[in-house]
Amino acid sequence: PTQLRAGGIATSLGAPCEDTFEVPV
């Protein structure tokens, strides 16, 4: 296991997958 930190806010993939979010790491 390794430690990582998010690099920003999660963003939606947009329609039709607006409830799926990418998190920059």
PDB file of all heavy atoms in Angstrom:
ATOM      1  N   PRO A   1       0.825  -1.221   0.000  1.00  0.00           N
ATOM      2  CA  PRO A   1       0.000   0.000   0.000  1.00  0.00           C
ATOM      3  C   PRO A   1       0.853   1.263   0.000  1.00  0.00           C
ATOM      4  O   PRO A   1       1.890   1.325   0.660  1.00  0.00           O
ATOM      5  CB  PRO A   1      -0.803  -0.124   1.302  1.00  0.00           C
ATOM      6  CG  PRO A   1      -0.860  -1.595   1.577  1.00  0.00           C
ATOM      7  CD  PRO A   1       0.458  -2.131   1.104  1.00  0.00           C
ATOM      8  N   THR A   2       0.417   2.253  -0.760  1.00  0.00           N
ATOM      9  CA  THR A   2       1.126   3.521  -0.843  1.00  0.00           C
ATOM     10  C   THR A   2       0.169   4.666  -0.551  1.00  0.00           C
ATOM     11  O   THR A   2      -1.050   4.538  -0.723  1.00  0.00           O
ATOM     12  CB  THR A   2       1.747   3.726  -2.231  1.00  0.00           C
ATOM     13  OG1 THR A   2       0.715   3.598  -3.236  1.00  0.00           O
ATOM     14  CG2 THR A   2       2.827   2.694  -2.511  1.00  0.00           C
ATOM     15  N   GLN A   3       0.712   5.804  -0.113  1.00  0.00           N
ATOM     16  CA  GLN A   3      -0.082   6.961   0.241  1.00  0.00           C
ATOM     17  C   GLN A   3      -0.159   7.933  -0.941  1.00  0.00           C
ATOM     18  O   GLN A   3       0.847   8.195  -1.602  1.00  0.00           O
ATOM     19  CB  GLN A   3       0.518   7.680   1.453  1.00  0.00           C
ATOM     20  CG  GLN A   3       0.602   6.817   2.703  1.00  0.00           C
ATOM     21  CD  GLN A   3      -0.753   6.379   3.215  1.00  0.00           C
ATOM     22  OE1 GLN A   3      -1.709   7.158   3.217  1.00  0.00           O
ATOM     23  NE2 GLN A   3      -0.849   5.123   3.644  1.00  0.00           N
ATOM     24  N   LEU A   4      -1.363   8.432  -1.205  1.00  0.00           N
ATOM     25  CA  LEU A   4      -1.592   9.397  -2.279  1.00  0.00           C
ATOM     26  C   LEU A   4      -2.528  10.482  -1.769  1.00  0.00           C
ATOM     27  O   LEU A   4      -3.226  10.299  -0.772  1.00  0.00           O
ATOM     28  CB  LEU A   4      -2.212   8.710  -3.510  1.00  0.00           C
ATOM     29  CG  LEU A   4      -1.370   7.638  -4.205  1.00  0.00           C
ATOM     30  CD1 LEU A   4      -2.223   6.865  -5.200  1.00  0.00           C
ATOM     31  CD2 LEU A   4      -0.178   8.260  -4.910  1.00  0.00           C
ATOM     32  N   ARG A   5      -2.556  11.600  -2.478  1.00  0.00           N
ATOM     33  CA  ARG A   5      -3.437  12.704  -2.099  1.00  0.00           C
ATOM     34  C   ARG A   5      -4.169  13.222  -3.333  1.00  0.00           C
ATOM     35  O   ARG A   5      -3.590  13.325  -4.420  1.00  0.00           O
ATOM     36  CB  ARG A   5      -2.650  13.840  -1.454  1.00  0.00           C
ATOM     37  CG  ARG A   5      -3.521  15.027  -0.995  1.00  0.00           C
ATOM     38  CD  ARG A   5      -2.687  16.105  -0.325  1.00  0.00           C
ATOM     39  NE  ARG A   5      -2.171  15.660   0.958  1.00  0.00           N
ATOM     40  CZ  ARG A   5      -2.846  15.766   2.103  1.00  0.00           C
ATOM     41  NH1 ARG A   5      -4.066  16.290   2.118  1.00  0.00           N
ATOM     42  NH2 ARG A   5      -2.299  15.365   3.224  1.00  0.00           N
ATOM     43  N   ALA A   6      -5.450  13.517  -3.176  1.00  0.00           N
ATOM     44  CA  ALA A   6      -6.239  14.073  -4.267  1.00  0.00           C
ATOM     45  C   ALA A   6      -5.686  15.428  -4.674  1.00  0.00           C
ATOM     46  O   ALA A   6      -5.166  16.182  -3.838  1.00  0.00           O
ATOM     47  CB  ALA A   6      -7.699  14.192  -3.862  1.00  0.00           C
ATOM     48  N   GLY A   7      -5.823  15.724  -5.970  1.00  0.00           N
ATOM     49  CA  GLY A   7      -5.312  16.990  -6.473  1.00  0.00           C
ATOM     50  C   GLY A   7      -6.392  17.939  -6.919  1.00  0.00           C
ATOM     51  O   GLY A   7      -6.137  18.871  -7.696  1.00  0.00           O
ATOM     52  N   GLY A   8      -7.617  17.744  -6.432  1.00  0.00           N
ATOM     53  CA  GLY A   8      -8.698  18.633  -6.812  1.00  0.00           C
ATOM     54  C   GLY A   8     -10.054  17.988  -6.585  1.00  0.00           C
ATOM     55  O   GLY A   8     -10.162  16.854  -6.123  1.00  0.00           O
ATOM     56  N   ILE A   9     -11.099  18.726  -6.915  1.00  0.00           N
ATOM     57  CA  ILE A   9     -12.475  18.285  -6.708  1.00  0.00           C
ATOM     58  C   ILE A   9     -12.874  17.259  -7.772  1.00  0.00           C
ATOM     59  O   ILE A   9     -12.442  17.331  -8.923  1.00  0.00           O
ATOM     60  CB  ILE A   9     -13.430  19.493  -6.761  1.00  0.00           C
ATOM     61  CG1 ILE A   9     -13.164  20.410  -5.563  1.00  0.00           C
ATOM     62  CG2 ILE A   9     -14.881  19.061  -6.756  1.00  0.00           C
ATOM     63  CD1 ILE A   9     -13.478  19.761  -4.221  1.00  0.00           C
ATOM     64  N   ALA A  10     -13.711  16.311  -7.390  1.00  0.00           N
ATOM     65  CA  ALA A  10     -14.236  15.325  -8.336  1.00  0.00           C
ATOM     66  C   ALA A  10     -15.126  16.007  -9.363  1.00  0.00           C
ATOM     67  O   ALA A  10     -15.900  16.913  -9.035  1.00  0.00           O
ATOM     68  CB  ALA A  10     -15.035  14.262  -7.578  1.00  0.00           C
ATOM     69  N   THR A  11     -15.024  15.579 -10.624  1.00  0.00           N
ATOM     70  CA  THR A  11     -15.823  16.162 -11.705  1.00  0.00           C
ATOM     71  C   THR A  11     -16.624  15.072 -12.409  1.00  0.00           C
ATOM     72  O   THR A  11     -16.145  13.953 -12.593  1.00  0.00           O
ATOM     73  CB  THR A  11     -14.928  16.880 -12.727  1.00  0.00           C
ATOM     74  OG1 THR A  11     -13.950  15.965 -13.238  1.00  0.00           O
ATOM     75  CG2 THR A  11     -14.209  18.053 -12.076  1.00  0.00           C
ATOM     76  N   SER A  12     -17.825  15.422 -12.821  1.00  0.00           N
ATOM     77  CA  SER A  12     -18.715  14.477 -13.483  1.00  0.00           C
ATOM     78  C   SER A  12     -18.237  14.185 -14.905  1.00  0.00           C
ATOM     79  O   SER A  12     -17.655  15.046 -15.574  1.00  0.00           O
ATOM     80  CB  SER A  12     -20.134  15.036 -13.520  1.00  0.00           C
ATOM     81  OG  SER A  12     -20.970  14.252 -14.340  1.00  0.00           O
ATOM     82  N   LEU A  13     -18.519  12.955 -15.374  1.00  0.00           N
ATOM     83  CA  LEU A  13     -18.217  12.605 -16.761  1.00  0.00           C
ATOM     84  C   LEU A  13     -19.220  13.233 -17.725  1.00  0.00           C
ATOM     85  O   LEU A  13     -18.996  13.226 -18.930  1.00  0.00           O
ATOM     86  CB  LEU A  13     -18.225  11.078 -16.949  1.00  0.00           C
ATOM     87  CG  LEU A  13     -17.161  10.276 -16.201  1.00  0.00           C
ATOM     88  CD1 LEU A  13     -17.239   8.808 -16.610  1.00  0.00           C
ATOM     89  CD2 LEU A  13     -15.771  10.822 -16.458  1.00  0.00           C
ATOM     90  N   GLY A  14     -20.320  13.753 -17.206  1.00  0.00           N
ATOM     91  CA  GLY A  14     -21.331  14.348 -18.073  1.00  0.00           C
ATOM     92  C   GLY A  14     -22.315  13.317 -18.596  1.00  0.00           C
ATOM     93  O   GLY A  14     -22.136  12.109 -18.429  1.00  0.00           O
ATOM     94  N   ALA A  15     -23.383  13.789 -19.235  1.00  0.00           N
ATOM     95  CA  ALA A  15     -24.436  12.914 -19.734  1.00  0.00           C
ATOM     96  C   ALA A  15     -23.865  11.914 -20.749  1.00  0.00           C
ATOM     97  O   ALA A  15     -22.997  12.263 -21.546  1.00  0.00           O
ATOM     98  CB  ALA A  15     -25.536  13.757 -20.389  1.00  0.00           C
ATOM     99  N   PRO A  16     -24.336  10.660 -20.700  1.00  0.00           N
ATOM    100  CA  PRO A  16     -25.368  10.123 -19.808  1.00  0.00           C
ATOM    101  C   PRO A  16     -24.815   9.541 -18.515  1.00  0.00           C
ATOM    102  O   PRO A  16     -25.490   8.780 -17.846  1.00  0.00           O
ATOM    103  CB  PRO A  16     -25.985   9.020 -20.669  1.00  0.00           C
ATOM    104  CG  PRO A  16     -24.804   8.458 -21.394  1.00  0.00           C
ATOM    105  CD  PRO A  16     -23.909   9.647 -21.696  1.00  0.00           C
ATOM    106  N   CYS A  17     -23.573   9.869 -18.173  1.00  0.00           N
ATOM    107  CA  CYS A  17     -22.930   9.315 -16.971  1.00  0.00           C
ATOM    108  C   CYS A  17     -22.667  10.420 -15.953  1.00  0.00           C
ATOM    109  O   CYS A  17     -21.587  10.498 -15.364  1.00  0.00           O
ATOM    110  CB  CYS A  17     -21.628   8.614 -17.350  1.00  0.00           C
ATOM    111  SG  CYS A  17     -21.830   7.332 -18.614  1.00  0.00           S
ATOM    112  N   GLU A  18     -23.657  11.290 -15.763  1.00  0.00           N
ATOM    113  CA  GLU A  18     -23.450  12.456 -14.908  1.00  0.00           C
ATOM    114  C   GLU A  18     -23.265  12.093 -13.434  1.00  0.00           C
ATOM    115  O   GLU A  18     -22.767  12.906 -12.649  1.00  0.00           O
ATOM    116  CB  GLU A  18     -24.610  13.446 -15.048  1.00  0.00           C
ATOM    117  CG  GLU A  18     -25.990  12.864 -14.837  1.00  0.00           C
ATOM    118  CD  GLU A  18     -26.573  12.248 -16.099  1.00  0.00           C
ATOM    119  OE1 GLU A  18     -25.979  12.423 -17.170  1.00  0.00           O
ATOM    120  OE2 GLU A  18     -27.623  11.602 -16.000  1.00  0.00           O
ATOM    121  N   ASP A  19     -23.642  10.882 -13.030  1.00  0.00           N
ATOM    122  CA  ASP A  19     -23.460  10.460 -11.649  1.00  0.00           C
ATOM    123  C   ASP A  19     -22.157   9.699 -11.437  1.00  0.00           C
ATOM    124  O   ASP A  19     -21.947   9.109 -10.374  1.00  0.00           O
ATOM    125  CB  ASP A  19     -24.632   9.589 -11.194  1.00  0.00           C
ATOM    126  CG  ASP A  19     -25.897  10.404 -10.970  1.00  0.00           C
ATOM    127  OD1 ASP A  19     -25.781  11.642 -10.820  1.00  0.00           O
ATOM    128  OD2 ASP A  19     -26.993   9.826 -10.957  1.00  0.00           O
ATOM    129  N   THR A  20     -21.301   9.692 -12.443  1.00  0.00           N
ATOM    130  CA  THR A  20     -19.974   9.084 -12.324  1.00  0.00           C
ATOM    131  C   THR A  20     -18.946  10.208 -12.302  1.00  0.00           C
ATOM    132  O   THR A  20     -18.986  11.109 -13.131  1.00  0.00           O
ATOM    133  CB  THR A  20     -19.690   8.129 -13.497  1.00  0.00           C
ATOM    134  OG1 THR A  20     -20.696   7.108 -13.508  1.00  0.00           O
ATOM    135  CG2 THR A  20     -18.327   7.490 -13.361  1.00  0.00           C
ATOM    136  N   PHE A  21     -18.011  10.148 -11.345  1.00  0.00           N
ATOM    137  CA  PHE A  21     -17.088  11.249 -11.116  1.00  0.00           C
ATOM    138  C   PHE A  21     -15.638  10.780 -11.167  1.00  0.00           C
ATOM    139  O   PHE A  21     -15.298   9.721 -10.638  1.00  0.00           O
ATOM    140  CB  PHE A  21     -17.350  11.888  -9.740  1.00  0.00           C
ATOM    141  CG  PHE A  21     -18.736  12.440  -9.593  1.00  0.00           C
ATOM    142  CD1 PHE A  21     -19.769  11.621  -9.144  1.00  0.00           C
ATOM    143  CD2 PHE A  21     -19.010  13.751  -9.908  1.00  0.00           C
ATOM    144  CE1 PHE A  21     -21.050  12.116  -9.003  1.00  0.00           C
ATOM    145  CE2 PHE A  21     -20.298  14.259  -9.771  1.00  0.00           C
ATOM    146  CZ  PHE A  21     -21.321  13.437  -9.324  1.00  0.00           C
ATOM    147  N   GLU A  22     -14.800  11.578 -11.819  1.00  0.00           N
ATOM    148  CA  GLU A  22     -13.364  11.389 -11.811  1.00  0.00           C
ATOM    149  C   GLU A  22     -12.751  12.223 -10.693  1.00  0.00           C
ATOM    150  O   GLU A  22     -13.154  13.362 -10.474  1.00  0.00           O
ATOM    151  CB  GLU A  22     -12.747  11.816 -13.143  1.00  0.00           C
ATOM    152  CG  GLU A  22     -13.174  10.986 -14.342  1.00  0.00           C
ATOM    153  CD  GLU A  22     -12.540  11.486 -15.624  1.00  0.00           C
ATOM    154  OE1 GLU A  22     -12.178  12.681 -15.668  1.00  0.00           O
ATOM    155  OE2 GLU A  22     -12.410  10.698 -16.569  1.00  0.00           O
ATOM    156  N   VAL A  23     -11.776  11.643 -10.013  1.00  0.00           N
ATOM    157  CA  VAL A  23     -11.070  12.365  -8.954  1.00  0.00           C
ATOM    158  C   VAL A  23      -9.607  12.497  -9.365  1.00  0.00           C
ATOM    159  O   VAL A  23      -8.924  11.488  -9.563  1.00  0.00           O
ATOM    160  CB  VAL A  23     -11.165  11.631  -7.606  1.00  0.00           C
ATOM    161  CG1 VAL A  23     -10.376  12.382  -6.534  1.00  0.00           C
ATOM    162  CG2 VAL A  23     -12.621  11.473  -7.185  1.00  0.00           C
ATOM    163  N   PRO A  24      -9.098  13.719  -9.539  1.00  0.00           N
ATOM    164  CA  PRO A  24      -7.691  13.879  -9.911  1.00  0.00           C
ATOM    165  C   PRO A  24      -6.770  13.451  -8.771  1.00  0.00           C
ATOM    166  O   PRO A  24      -6.910  13.931  -7.648  1.00  0.00           O
ATOM    167  CB  PRO A  24      -7.560  15.380 -10.202  1.00  0.00           C
ATOM    168  CG  PRO A  24      -8.675  16.015  -9.422  1.00  0.00           C
ATOM    169  CD  PRO A  24      -9.794  15.016  -9.394  1.00  0.00           C
ATOM    170  N   VAL A  25      -5.850  12.529  -9.080  1.00  0.00           N
ATOM    171  CA  VAL A  25      -4.874  12.059  -8.098  1.00  0.00           C
ATOM    172  C   VAL A  25      -3.503  12.115  -8.757  1.00  0.00           C
ATOM    173  O   VAL A  25      -3.185  11.275  -9.609  1.00  0.00           O
ATOM    174  CB  VAL A  25      -5.181  10.630  -7.618  1.00  0.00           C
ATOM    175  CG1 VAL A  25      -4.129  10.172  -6.590  1.00  0.00           C
ATOM    176  CG2 VAL A  25      -6.584  10.539  -7.020  1.00  0.00           C
TER     177      VAL A  25
END
